[in-house]
Amino acid sequence: TDEPVFITKNGYSDMVVMSNQAYDKLIEQIHLYQLVAEAEQDVEEGNVFDGEEVLSEMRAKYGY
């Protein structure tokens, strides 16, 4: 299954074993959360562009 197996030692969680598929999915989620955090930081810092303005510039530049 995709569920991790928790191994305990003296009653405390010591190790987690999971399938490659579950690990890959976890890594993808972590990467997505990192991208969202970076985007939120950009918004807070004002590093944003007006979408309509950017699209208009691209259409003018590439003839769409």
Protein backbone atom coordinates (compact mmCIF):
# COMPACT_ATOMS: atom_id res chain seq x y z
CA THR A 1 0.00 0.00 0.00
CA ASP A 2 0.96 3.66 -0.14
CA GLU A 3 0.70 3.96 3.62
CA PRO A 4 3.98 4.43 5.49
CA VAL A 5 5.00 1.92 8.15
CA PHE A 6 6.10 3.48 11.44
CA ILE A 7 8.72 1.58 13.38
CA THR A 8 9.06 2.33 17.07
CA LYS A 9 11.87 1.80 19.54
CA ASN A 10 11.09 1.72 23.23
CA GLY A 11 7.64 3.12 22.48
CA TYR A 12 8.89 6.11 20.48
CA SER A 13 8.74 6.61 16.74
CA ASP A 14 12.17 5.75 15.35
CA MET A 15 11.85 5.15 11.62
CA VAL A 16 9.35 5.35 8.76
CA VAL A 17 9.38 3.00 5.79
CA MET A 18 7.38 3.86 2.68
CA SER A 19 7.13 2.84 -0.93
CA ASN A 20 9.00 4.71 -3.64
CA GLN A 21 5.66 5.85 -5.04
CA ALA A 22 4.59 7.33 -1.68
CA TYR A 23 8.00 8.98 -1.26
CA ASP A 24 7.85 10.53 -4.74
CA LYS A 25 4.36 11.87 -4.03
CA LEU A 26 5.56 13.36 -0.74
CA ILE A 27 8.52 15.05 -2.44
CA GLU A 28 6.20 16.49 -5.13
CA GLN A 29 3.93 17.93 -2.42
CA ILE A 30 6.88 19.48 -0.59
CA HIS A 31 8.11 21.05 -3.84
CA LEU A 32 4.64 22.45 -4.52
CA TYR A 33 4.47 23.96 -1.02
CA GLN A 34 7.89 25.55 -1.56
CA LEU A 35 6.71 27.12 -4.83
CA VAL A 36 3.57 28.47 -3.14
CA ALA A 37 5.67 29.93 -0.31
CA GLU A 38 7.97 31.62 -2.83
CA ALA A 39 4.97 33.05 -4.69
CA GLU A 40 3.46 34.38 -1.46
CA GLN A 41 6.78 36.01 -0.59
CA ASP A 42 6.89 37.64 -4.04
CA VAL A 43 3.41 39.06 -3.48
CA GLU A 44 4.38 40.40 -0.05
CA GLU A 45 7.50 42.03 -1.51
CA GLY A 46 5.57 43.51 -4.45
CA ASN A 47 7.38 41.43 -7.06
CA VAL A 48 4.29 41.04 -9.23
CA PHE A 49 3.16 42.12 -12.67
CA ASP A 50 -0.25 43.04 -14.05
CA GLY A 51 -1.44 40.02 -16.04
CA GLU A 52 -3.27 42.00 -18.72
CA GLU A 53 -0.25 44.23 -19.27
CA VAL A 54 2.12 41.27 -19.60
CA LEU A 55 -0.20 39.49 -22.06
CA SER A 56 -0.56 42.67 -24.13
CA GLU A 57 3.21 43.06 -24.31
CA MET A 58 3.63 39.40 -25.33
CA ARG A 59 0.96 39.72 -28.02
CA ALA A 60 2.64 42.85 -29.39
CA LYS A 61 6.08 41.24 -29.33
CA TYR A 62 5.13 37.86 -30.81
CA GLY A 63 2.17 38.91 -32.97
CA TYR A 64 -0.63 36.97 -31.29
